[in-house]
């Protein structure tokens, strides 16, 4: 499947005026799935191949709009519906997911399976509830059941053996802050950047850029200001880091701002890049109106 097929997902985002505040973590995860769905789904035990992107905006009969995180069309024609949750909303969230699934199934005449990726410290989320004679179930993906220490050790082992890391290997690095493990979050980010730097000359430059950007956004969410300052020595050796440190050139600041749109709030982007908020908002509008290739 061409990676460009998944870009249509980005165009179905809720209008800014109606959009609730999105946590950095959720925005970063959506970006990861946008570009690396083919590599990540097998990691979560989903063996069918993705063959396309499905609608994520649904309209009920009373004209209320639903906005889902992701819908993928699978090779058997069914849809895999993904939601990302950093909090455990229990029954209330499950009712919302059931509504999404039912409307999608009715409007598009497809079979829908809902997967919910739980991050944070959620290990045993509510996965089903019964209303009357009907029981609704989701398939949970709990990041705390995966181990960041083992992932980082395995990628380092591959590099030491002279193996080139694959897209799936690199994509998993973006999830390491959500996993279980003994390494501190700061050390995980540091190790992840060291791994991407090692692959910098051999891997796809665009892939590395996206992974390093998502890592930065996740670190910005989970680490405090002192820890982020301590990491800048490592981050500063990456292309993203050079843009963050060297903000004197206008074109570099604009390029950095564009790479962070959709991952960070516009106000935060303006602060990071030292650009006027109006400039960032204009970049954001231009990105929304850009044609999908």
C-alpha atoms as a PDB file:
ATOM      1  CA  UNK A   1       0.000   0.000   0.000  1.00  0.00           C
ATOM      2  CA  UNK A   2       1.303   3.447  -0.882  1.00  0.00           C
ATOM      3  CA  UNK A   3       2.011   5.504   2.237  1.00  0.00           C
ATOM      4  CA  UNK A   4       0.253   8.464   0.581  1.00  0.00           C
ATOM      5  CA  UNK A   5      -3.079   6.621   0.869  1.00  0.00           C
ATOM      6  CA  UNK A   6      -3.043   7.205   4.611  1.00  0.00           C
ATOM      7  CA  UNK A   7      -2.550  10.960   4.279  1.00  0.00           C
ATOM      8  CA  UNK A   8      -6.284  11.394   3.717  1.00  0.00           C
ATOM      9  CA  UNK A   9      -6.760  10.678   7.402  1.00  0.00           C
ATOM     10  CA  UNK A  10      -5.155  13.964   8.315  1.00  0.00           C
ATOM     11  CA  UNK A  11      -7.750  15.915   6.343  1.00  0.00           C
ATOM     12  CA  UNK A  12     -10.695  14.719   8.464  1.00  0.00           C
ATOM     13  CA  UNK A  13      -9.649  16.421  11.697  1.00  0.00           C
ATOM     14  CA  UNK A  14     -12.288  18.307  13.643  1.00  0.00           C
ATOM     15  CA  UNK A  15     -12.457  22.055  12.844  1.00  0.00           C
ATOM     16  CA  UNK A  16     -10.453  24.089  15.324  1.00  0.00           C
ATOM     17  CA  UNK A  17     -13.499  25.903  16.660  1.00  0.00           C
ATOM     18  CA  UNK A  18     -15.176  22.636  17.646  1.00  0.00           C
ATOM     19  CA  UNK A  19     -12.109  20.660  18.616  1.00  0.00           C
ATOM     20  CA  UNK A  20     -11.469  19.853  22.281  1.00  0.00           C
ATOM     21  CA  UNK A  21      -7.985  20.304  23.710  1.00  0.00           C
ATOM     22  CA  UNK A  22      -5.878  17.391  22.430  1.00  0.00           C
ATOM     23  CA  UNK A  23      -3.042  16.171  24.595  1.00  0.00           C
ATOM     24  CA  UNK A  24       0.411  16.087  22.984  1.00  0.00           C
ATOM     25  CA  UNK A  25       0.510  12.334  23.507  1.00  0.00           C
ATOM     26  CA  UNK A  26      -2.688  11.682  21.540  1.00  0.00           C
ATOM     27  CA  UNK A  27      -1.622  13.969  18.691  1.00  0.00           C
ATOM     28  CA  UNK A  28       1.774  12.255  18.526  1.00  0.00           C
ATOM     29  CA  UNK A  29       0.178   8.797  18.446  1.00  0.00           C
ATOM     30  CA  UNK A  30      -2.108   9.835  15.612  1.00  0.00           C
ATOM     31  CA  UNK A  31       0.913  11.011  13.652  1.00  0.00           C
ATOM     32  CA  UNK A  32       2.704   7.716  14.292  1.00  0.00           C
ATOM     33  CA  UNK A  33      -0.280   5.704  13.019  1.00  0.00           C
ATOM     34  CA  UNK A  34      -0.706   8.057  10.068  1.00  0.00           C
ATOM     35  CA  UNK A  35       2.729   7.189   8.707  1.00  0.00           C
ATOM     36  CA  UNK A  36       3.567   3.805  10.256  1.00  0.00           C
ATOM     37  CA  UNK A  37       0.273   1.876  10.416  1.00  0.00           C
ATOM     38  CA  UNK A  38       1.597  -0.987   8.270  1.00  0.00           C
ATOM     39  CA  UNK A  39       4.588  -1.461  10.548  1.00  0.00           C
ATOM     40  CA  UNK A  40       2.782  -1.119  13.896  1.00  0.00           C
ATOM     41  CA  UNK A  41      -0.374  -3.178  13.401  1.00  0.00           C
ATOM     42  CA  UNK A  42       1.502  -6.532  13.198  1.00  0.00           C
ATOM     43  CA  UNK A  43       3.323  -5.584  16.414  1.00  0.00           C
ATOM     44  CA  UNK A  44      -0.067  -5.416  18.128  1.00  0.00           C
ATOM     45  CA  UNK A  45      -1.083  -8.810  16.753  1.00  0.00           C
ATOM     46  CA  UNK A  46      -3.216  -7.541  13.855  1.00  0.00           C
ATOM     47  CA  UNK A  47      -2.148  -9.743  10.949  1.00  0.00           C
ATOM     48  CA  UNK A  48      -4.380  -8.492   8.161  1.00  0.00           C
ATOM     49  CA  UNK A  49      -2.870  -5.900   5.853  1.00  0.00           C
ATOM     50  CA  UNK A  50      -4.193  -2.350   5.599  1.00  0.00           C
ATOM     51  CA  UNK A  51      -5.363  -1.601   2.047  1.00  0.00           C
ATOM     52  CA  UNK A  52      -6.682   1.926   2.530  1.00  0.00           C
ATOM     53  CA  UNK A  53      -8.048   4.637   4.772  1.00  0.00           C
ATOM     54  CA  UNK A  54     -11.725   4.920   5.624  1.00  0.00           C
ATOM     55  CA  UNK A  55     -13.859   7.883   6.648  1.00  0.00           C
ATOM     56  CA  UNK A  56     -13.337   9.214  10.160  1.00  0.00           C
ATOM     57  CA  UNK A  57     -16.192  11.735  10.139  1.00  0.00           C
ATOM     58  CA  UNK A  58     -19.656  10.236  10.592  1.00  0.00           C
ATOM     59  CA  UNK A  59     -23.047  11.960  10.638  1.00  0.00           C
ATOM     60  CA  UNK A  60     -25.957  10.675  12.696  1.00  0.00           C
ATOM     61  CA  UNK A  61     -29.587  11.104  11.620  1.00  0.00           C
ATOM     62  CA  UNK A  62     -29.934  14.181  13.856  1.00  0.00           C
ATOM     63  CA  UNK A  63     -26.907  15.692  12.036  1.00  0.00           C
ATOM     64  CA  UNK A  64     -24.587  15.415  14.995  1.00  0.00           C
ATOM     65  CA  UNK A  65     -21.059  14.736  13.781  1.00  0.00           C
ATOM     66  CA  UNK A  66     -18.805  12.037  15.211  1.00  0.00           C
ATOM     67  CA  UNK A  67     -15.029  12.309  14.884  1.00  0.00           C
ATOM     68  CA  UNK A  68     -13.089   9.086  15.249  1.00  0.00           C
ATOM     69  CA  UNK A  69      -9.330   8.782  15.555  1.00  0.00           C
ATOM     70  CA  UNK A  70      -8.632   6.310  12.723  1.00  0.00           C
ATOM     71  CA  UNK A  71     -10.475   3.859  10.494  1.00  0.00           C
ATOM     72  CA  UNK A  72      -8.429   1.471   8.360  1.00  0.00           C
ATOM     73  CA  UNK A  73      -9.844  -0.684   5.569  1.00  0.00           C
ATOM     74  CA  UNK A  74      -8.478  -4.202   5.922  1.00  0.00           C
ATOM     75  CA  UNK A  75      -7.809  -6.728   3.181  1.00  0.00           C
ATOM     76  CA  UNK A  76     -11.060  -8.640   3.876  1.00  0.00           C
ATOM     77  CA  UNK A  77     -13.134  -5.451   3.486  1.00  0.00           C
ATOM     78  CA  UNK A  78     -13.763  -4.960   7.194  1.00  0.00           C
ATOM     79  CA  UNK A  79     -12.794  -1.798   9.080  1.00  0.00           C
ATOM     80  CA  UNK A  80     -10.410  -1.571  12.019  1.00  0.00           C
ATOM     81  CA  UNK A  81     -11.374   1.418  14.137  1.00  0.00           C
ATOM     82  CA  UNK A  82      -8.646   2.806  16.434  1.00  0.00           C
ATOM     83  CA  UNK A  83      -9.018   5.118  19.408  1.00  0.00           C
ATOM     84  CA  UNK A  84      -6.211   6.470  21.621  1.00  0.00           C
ATOM     85  CA  UNK A  85      -6.877   6.929  25.335  1.00  0.00           C
ATOM     86  CA  UNK A  86      -4.499   8.367  27.931  1.00  0.00           C
ATOM     87  CA  UNK A  87      -7.216   8.213  30.611  1.00  0.00           C
ATOM     88  CA  UNK A  88      -9.547   5.384  31.560  1.00  0.00           C
ATOM     89  CA  UNK A  89     -13.061   6.693  30.950  1.00  0.00           C
ATOM     90  CA  UNK A  90     -14.697   3.335  31.591  1.00  0.00           C
ATOM     91  CA  UNK A  91     -18.325   2.826  30.566  1.00  0.00           C
ATOM     92  CA  UNK A  92     -18.786   6.376  29.256  1.00  0.00           C
ATOM     93  CA  UNK A  93     -15.968   5.953  26.722  1.00  0.00           C
ATOM     94  CA  UNK A  94     -17.184   2.500  25.721  1.00  0.00           C
ATOM     95  CA  UNK A  95     -20.633   3.904  24.980  1.00  0.00           C
ATOM     96  CA  UNK A  96     -19.040   6.529  22.745  1.00  0.00           C
ATOM     97  CA  UNK A  97     -16.988   3.894  20.923  1.00  0.00           C
ATOM     98  CA  UNK A  98     -20.089   1.739  20.480  1.00  0.00           C
ATOM     99  CA  UNK A  99     -21.890   4.684  18.877  1.00  0.00           C
ATOM    100  CA  UNK A 100     -18.981   5.278  16.493  1.00  0.00           C
ATOM    101  CA  UNK A 101     -18.869   1.620  15.533  1.00  0.00           C
ATOM    102  CA  UNK A 102     -22.626   1.312  15.008  1.00  0.00           C
ATOM    103  CA  UNK A 103     -22.914   4.431  12.834  1.00  0.00           C
ATOM    104  CA  UNK A 104     -19.883   3.461  10.703  1.00  0.00           C
ATOM    105  CA  UNK A 105     -21.236  -0.056  10.230  1.00  0.00           C
ATOM    106  CA  UNK A 106     -24.699   1.234   9.284  1.00  0.00           C
ATOM    107  CA  UNK A 107     -23.609   4.048   6.964  1.00  0.00           C
ATOM    108  CA  UNK A 108     -20.922   2.109   5.113  1.00  0.00           C
ATOM    109  CA  UNK A 109     -22.358  -1.421   5.424  1.00  0.00           C
ATOM    110  CA  UNK A 110     -19.143  -2.858   6.841  1.00  0.00           C
ATOM    111  CA  UNK A 111     -18.024  -4.968   9.760  1.00  0.00           C
ATOM    112  CA  UNK A 112     -16.160  -2.814  12.287  1.00  0.00           C
ATOM    113  CA  UNK A 113     -13.778  -3.903  15.055  1.00  0.00           C
ATOM    114  CA  UNK A 114     -12.757  -1.281  17.617  1.00  0.00           C
ATOM    115  CA  UNK A 115      -9.223  -1.272  19.050  1.00  0.00           C
ATOM    116  CA  UNK A 116      -8.333   1.119  21.866  1.00  0.00           C
ATOM    117  CA  UNK A 117      -4.687   1.895  22.565  1.00  0.00           C
ATOM    118  CA  UNK A 118      -4.355   2.735  26.269  1.00  0.00           C
ATOM    119  CA  UNK A 119      -1.262   4.624  27.313  1.00  0.00           C
ATOM    120  CA  UNK A 120      -0.257   6.102  30.661  1.00  0.00           C
ATOM    121  CA  UNK A 121      -0.448   3.700  33.580  1.00  0.00           C
ATOM    122  CA  UNK A 122      -3.607   1.964  32.387  1.00  0.00           C
ATOM    123  CA  UNK A 123      -3.106  -1.797  32.664  1.00  0.00           C
ATOM    124  CA  UNK A 124      -6.609  -3.210  33.129  1.00  0.00           C
ATOM    125  CA  UNK A 125      -9.119  -0.968  31.354  1.00  0.00           C
ATOM    126  CA  UNK A 126     -12.816  -1.696  31.099  1.00  0.00           C
ATOM    127  CA  UNK A 127     -13.262  -3.550  27.801  1.00  0.00           C
ATOM    128  CA  UNK A 128     -16.971  -4.411  27.663  1.00  0.00           C
ATOM    129  CA  UNK A 129     -20.381  -3.525  29.048  1.00  0.00           C
ATOM    130  CA  UNK A 130     -23.912  -4.848  28.704  1.00  0.00           C
ATOM    131  CA  UNK A 131     -26.948  -2.720  27.881  1.00  0.00           C
ATOM    132  CA  UNK A 132     -30.204  -4.667  27.934  1.00  0.00           C
ATOM    133  CA  UNK A 133     -29.600  -7.858  25.924  1.00  0.00           C
ATOM    134  CA  UNK A 134     -26.551  -6.501  24.053  1.00  0.00           C
ATOM    135  CA  UNK A 135     -22.883  -6.650  25.064  1.00  0.00           C
ATOM    136  CA  UNK A 136     -20.318  -4.362  23.420  1.00  0.00           C
ATOM    137  CA  UNK A 137     -16.596  -5.208  23.443  1.00  0.00           C
ATOM    138  CA  UNK A 138     -13.423  -3.467  22.362  1.00  0.00           C
ATOM    139  CA  UNK A 139     -10.009  -5.025  21.847  1.00  0.00           C
ATOM    140  CA  UNK A 140      -7.593  -3.223  24.200  1.00  0.00           C
ATOM    141  CA  UNK A 141      -3.934  -2.514  23.447  1.00  0.00           C
ATOM    142  CA  UNK A 142      -2.227  -1.660  26.739  1.00  0.00           C
ATOM    143  CA  UNK A 143       1.175  -0.095  26.252  1.00  0.00           C
ATOM    144  CA  UNK A 144       2.184  -1.027  29.795  1.00  0.00           C
ATOM    145  CA  UNK A 145       2.260  -4.662  28.688  1.00  0.00           C
ATOM    146  CA  UNK A 146       5.243  -3.847  26.426  1.00  0.00           C
ATOM    147  CA  UNK A 147       8.771  -3.281  27.737  1.00  0.00           C
ATOM    148  CA  UNK A 148      10.921  -0.342  26.610  1.00  0.00           C
ATOM    149  CA  UNK A 149      14.123  -1.783  28.098  1.00  0.00           C
ATOM    150  CA  UNK A 150      13.891  -4.924  25.966  1.00  0.00           C
ATOM    151  CA  UNK A 151      13.010  -2.933  22.849  1.00  0.00           C
ATOM    152  CA  UNK A 152      15.994  -0.575  23.212  1.00  0.00           C
ATOM    153  CA  UNK A 153      18.370  -3.445  24.043  1.00  0.00           C
ATOM    154  CA  UNK A 154      17.240  -5.398  20.969  1.00  0.00           C
ATOM    155  CA  UNK A 155      17.671  -2.420  18.625  1.00  0.00           C
ATOM    156  CA  UNK A 156      21.118  -1.725  20.055  1.00  0.00           C
ATOM    157  CA  UNK A 157      22.043  -5.400  19.568  1.00  0.00           C
ATOM    158  CA  UNK A 158      21.007  -5.230  15.922  1.00  0.00           C
ATOM    159  CA  UNK A 159      23.097  -2.116  15.372  1.00  0.00           C
ATOM    160  CA  UNK A 160      26.138  -3.651  17.069  1.00  0.00           C
ATOM    161  CA  UNK A 161      25.782  -6.661  14.748  1.00  0.00           C
ATOM    162  CA  UNK A 162      25.755  -4.349  11.735  1.00  0.00           C
ATOM    163  CA  UNK A 163      22.087  -4.915  10.916  1.00  0.00           C
ATOM    164  CA  UNK A 164      20.136  -2.086   9.319  1.00  0.00           C
ATOM    165  CA  UNK A 165      17.017  -1.300  11.336  1.00  0.00           C
ATOM    166  CA  UNK A 166      13.716  -1.608   9.487  1.00  0.00           C
ATOM    167  CA  UNK A 167      10.857   0.907   9.471  1.00  0.00           C
ATOM    168  CA  UNK A 168       8.983  -1.189  12.040  1.00  0.00           C
ATOM    169  CA  UNK A 169      11.982  -1.166  14.393  1.00  0.00           C
ATOM    170  CA  UNK A 170      12.283   2.601  14.183  1.00  0.00           C
ATOM    171  CA  UNK A 171       8.525   3.225  14.444  1.00  0.00           C
ATOM    172  CA  UNK A 172       8.413   1.326  17.749  1.00  0.00           C
ATOM    173  CA  UNK A 173      10.826   3.866  19.259  1.00  0.00           C
ATOM    174  CA  UNK A 174       8.043   6.459  19.172  1.00  0.00           C
ATOM    175  CA  UNK A 175       6.080   4.346  21.667  1.00  0.00           C
ATOM    176  CA  UNK A 176       8.893   3.687  24.150  1.00  0.00           C
ATOM    177  CA  UNK A 177       7.773   6.396  26.606  1.00  0.00           C
ATOM    178  CA  UNK A 178       4.380   4.695  26.897  1.00  0.00           C
ATOM    179  CA  UNK A 179       5.785   1.254  27.657  1.00  0.00           C
ATOM    180  CA  UNK A 180       6.726  -0.408  30.936  1.00  0.00           C
ATOM    181  CA  UNK A 181      10.372  -0.791  31.950  1.00  0.00           C
ATOM    182  CA  UNK A 182      13.039   0.192  34.459  1.00  0.00           C
ATOM    183  CA  UNK A 183      14.788   2.849  32.361  1.00  0.00           C
ATOM    184  CA  UNK A 184      13.783   6.376  33.285  1.00  0.00           C
ATOM    185  CA  UNK A 185      11.771   8.270  30.673  1.00  0.00           C
ATOM    186  CA  UNK A 186      14.698  10.636  30.126  1.00  0.00           C
ATOM    187  CA  UNK A 187      17.076   7.729  29.511  1.00  0.00           C
ATOM    188  CA  UNK A 188      14.616   6.169  27.078  1.00  0.00           C
ATOM    189  CA  UNK A 189      14.474   9.354  25.018  1.00  0.00           C
ATOM    190  CA  UNK A 190      18.255   9.655  25.103  1.00  0.00           C
ATOM    191  CA  UNK A 191      18.684   6.044  23.976  1.00  0.00           C
ATOM    192  CA  UNK A 192      16.073   6.453  21.236  1.00  0.00           C
ATOM    193  CA  UNK A 193      17.835   9.511  19.812  1.00  0.00           C
ATOM    194  CA  UNK A 194      21.176   7.711  19.922  1.00  0.00           C
ATOM    195  CA  UNK A 195      19.634   4.874  17.917  1.00  0.00           C
ATOM    196  CA  UNK A 196      18.137   7.222  15.301  1.00  0.00           C
ATOM    197  CA  UNK A 197      21.469   9.056  14.982  1.00  0.00           C
ATOM    198  CA  UNK A 198      23.201   5.748  14.299  1.00  0.00           C
ATOM    199  CA  UNK A 199      20.698   5.031  11.522  1.00  0.00           C
ATOM    200  CA  UNK A 200      20.796   8.558  10.131  1.00  0.00           C
ATOM    201  CA  UNK A 201      23.055   7.753   7.181  1.00  0.00           C
ATOM    202  CA  UNK A 202      21.450   4.480   6.167  1.00  0.00           C
ATOM    203  CA  UNK A 203      17.712   4.969   6.784  1.00  0.00           C
ATOM    204  CA  UNK A 204      15.120   7.045   4.961  1.00  0.00           C
ATOM    205  CA  UNK A 205      15.726  10.661   6.012  1.00  0.00           C
ATOM    206  CA  UNK A 206      11.996  11.443   6.060  1.00  0.00           C
ATOM    207  CA  UNK A 207      11.318   8.465   8.346  1.00  0.00           C
ATOM    208  CA  UNK A 208      14.042   9.551  10.788  1.00  0.00           C
ATOM    209  CA  UNK A 209      12.740  13.145  10.802  1.00  0.00           C
ATOM    210  CA  UNK A 210       9.204  12.043  11.646  1.00  0.00           C
ATOM    211  CA  UNK A 211      10.357   9.689  14.399  1.00  0.00           C
ATOM    212  CA  UNK A 212      12.629  12.289  15.995  1.00  0.00           C
ATOM    213  CA  UNK A 213       9.855  14.895  15.883  1.00  0.00           C
ATOM    214  CA  UNK A 214       7.350  12.568  17.571  1.00  0.00           C
ATOM    215  CA  UNK A 215       9.963  11.629  20.187  1.00  0.00           C
ATOM    216  CA  UNK A 216      10.465  15.306  20.961  1.00  0.00           C
ATOM    217  CA  UNK A 217       6.715  15.883  21.352  1.00  0.00           C
ATOM    218  CA  UNK A 218       6.344  12.854  23.644  1.00  0.00           C
ATOM    219  CA  UNK A 219       9.341  13.970  25.716  1.00  0.00           C
ATOM    220  CA  UNK A 220       7.856  17.455  25.966  1.00  0.00           C
ATOM    221  CA  UNK A 221       4.715  15.919  27.464  1.00  0.00           C
ATOM    222  CA  UNK A 222       6.312  13.521  29.933  1.00  0.00           C
ATOM    223  CA  UNK A 223       9.538  15.222  31.055  1.00  0.00           C
ATOM    224  CA  UNK A 224      10.012  18.322  33.157  1.00  0.00           C
ATOM    225  CA  UNK A 225      11.926  21.424  32.043  1.00  0.00           C
ATOM    226  CA  UNK A 226      15.162  20.380  33.782  1.00  0.00           C
ATOM    227  CA  UNK A 227      15.123  16.946  32.132  1.00  0.00           C
ATOM    228  CA  UNK A 228      14.437  18.505  28.729  1.00  0.00           C
ATOM    229  CA  UNK A 229      17.375  20.869  29.200  1.00  0.00           C
ATOM    230  CA  UNK A 230      19.602  17.909  30.054  1.00  0.00           C
ATOM    231  CA  UNK A 231      18.503  16.143  26.871  1.00  0.00           C
ATOM    232  CA  UNK A 232      19.263  19.046  24.568  1.00  0.00           C
ATOM    233  CA  UNK A 233      22.875  17.916  24.179  1.00  0.00           C
ATOM    234  CA  UNK A 234      21.622  14.689  22.605  1.00  0.00           C
ATOM    235  CA  UNK A 235      18.672  16.253  20.766  1.00  0.00           C
ATOM    236  CA  UNK A 236      20.948  19.022  19.503  1.00  0.00           C
ATOM    237  CA  UNK A 237      22.891  16.496  17.408  1.00  0.00           C
ATOM    238  CA  UNK A 238      19.788  15.702  15.344  1.00  0.00           C
ATOM    239  CA  UNK A 239      18.396  17.774  12.480  1.00  0.00           C
ATOM    240  CA  UNK A 240      15.382  18.632  14.622  1.00  0.00           C
ATOM    241  CA  UNK A 241      17.705  19.682  17.431  1.00  0.00           C
ATOM    242  CA  UNK A 242      19.675  21.953  15.141  1.00  0.00           C
ATOM    243  CA  UNK A 243      16.474  23.711  14.172  1.00  0.00           C
ATOM    244  CA  UNK A 244      15.479  24.076  17.825  1.00  0.00           C
ATOM    245  CA  UNK A 245      18.872  25.471  18.824  1.00  0.00           C
ATOM    246  CA  UNK A 246      19.560  27.622  15.783  1.00  0.00           C
ATOM    247  CA  UNK A 247      16.459  29.770  15.540  1.00  0.00           C
ATOM    248  CA  UNK A 248      18.192  32.685  13.862  1.00  0.00           C
ATOM    249  CA  UNK A 249      17.295  31.688  10.304  1.00  0.00           C
ATOM    250  CA  UNK A 250      13.711  32.479   9.350  1.00  0.00           C
ATOM    251  CA  UNK A 251      13.374  29.547   6.951  1.00  0.00           C
ATOM    252  CA  UNK A 252      14.529  27.075   9.623  1.00  0.00           C
ATOM    253  CA  UNK A 253      12.023  28.418  12.120  1.00  0.00           C
ATOM    254  CA  UNK A 254       9.223  28.155   9.563  1.00  0.00           C
ATOM    255  CA  UNK A 255      10.262  24.591   8.642  1.00  0.00           C
ATOM    256  CA  UNK A 256      10.342  23.614  12.311  1.00  0.00           C
ATOM    257  CA  UNK A 257       6.925  25.155  12.935  1.00  0.00           C
ATOM    258  CA  UNK A 258       5.447  23.240   9.991  1.00  0.00           C
ATOM    259  CA  UNK A 259       6.833  19.942  11.313  1.00  0.00           C
ATOM    260  CA  UNK A 260       5.176  20.533  14.720  1.00  0.00           C
ATOM    261  CA  UNK A 261       1.735  21.542  13.427  1.00  0.00           C
ATOM    262  CA  UNK A 262      -0.780  18.919  14.483  1.00  0.00           C
ATOM    263  CA  UNK A 263       1.517  17.709  17.266  1.00  0.00           C
ATOM    264  CA  UNK A 264       1.660  20.756  19.518  1.00  0.00           C
ATOM    265  CA  UNK A 265      -0.738  23.599  20.239  1.00  0.00           C
ATOM    266  CA  UNK A 266      -0.155  26.676  18.046  1.00  0.00           C
ATOM    267  CA  UNK A 267       0.764  28.801  21.069  1.00  0.00           C
ATOM    268  CA  UNK A 268       3.407  26.268  22.164  1.00  0.00           C
ATOM    269  CA  UNK A 269       4.811  26.099  18.612  1.00  0.00           C
ATOM    270  CA  UNK A 270       5.098  29.888  18.555  1.00  0.00           C
ATOM    271  CA  UNK A 271       7.002  29.816  21.850  1.00  0.00           C
ATOM    272  CA  UNK A 272       9.344  27.016  20.709  1.00  0.00           C
ATOM    273  CA  UNK A 273      10.168  28.626  17.360  1.00  0.00           C
ATOM    274  CA  UNK A 274      10.074  32.287  18.428  1.00  0.00           C
ATOM    275  CA  UNK A 275       7.611  32.971  15.613  1.00  0.00           C
ATOM    276  CA  UNK A 276       4.560  35.248  15.960  1.00  0.00           C
ATOM    277  CA  UNK A 277       1.412  33.317  16.791  1.00  0.00           C
ATOM    278  CA  UNK A 278      -0.241  34.820  13.711  1.00  0.00           C
ATOM    279  CA  UNK A 279       2.470  33.272  11.516  1.00  0.00           C
ATOM    280  CA  UNK A 280       1.957  29.851  13.066  1.00  0.00           C
ATOM    281  CA  UNK A 281      -1.821  30.096  12.617  1.00  0.00           C
ATOM    282  CA  UNK A 282      -1.332  30.998   8.955  1.00  0.00           C
ATOM    283  CA  UNK A 283       0.964  27.990   8.471  1.00  0.00           C
ATOM    284  CA  UNK A 284      -1.666  25.831  10.139  1.00  0.00           C
ATOM    285  CA  UNK A 285      -4.410  27.081   7.806  1.00  0.00           C
ATOM    286  CA  UNK A 286      -2.188  26.597   4.752  1.00  0.00           C
ATOM    287  CA  UNK A 287      -1.445  23.024   5.839  1.00  0.00           C
ATOM    288  CA  UNK A 288      -5.176  22.268   6.218  1.00  0.00           C
ATOM    289  CA  UNK A 289      -5.973  23.648   2.752  1.00  0.00           C
ATOM    290  CA  UNK A 290      -3.056  21.950   1.006  1.00  0.00           C
ATOM    291  CA  UNK A 291      -4.169  19.292  -1.503  1.00  0.00           C
ATOM    292  CA  UNK A 292      -3.632  15.630  -0.618  1.00  0.00           C
ATOM    293  CA  UNK A 293      -1.071  14.062  -2.967  1.00  0.00           C
END
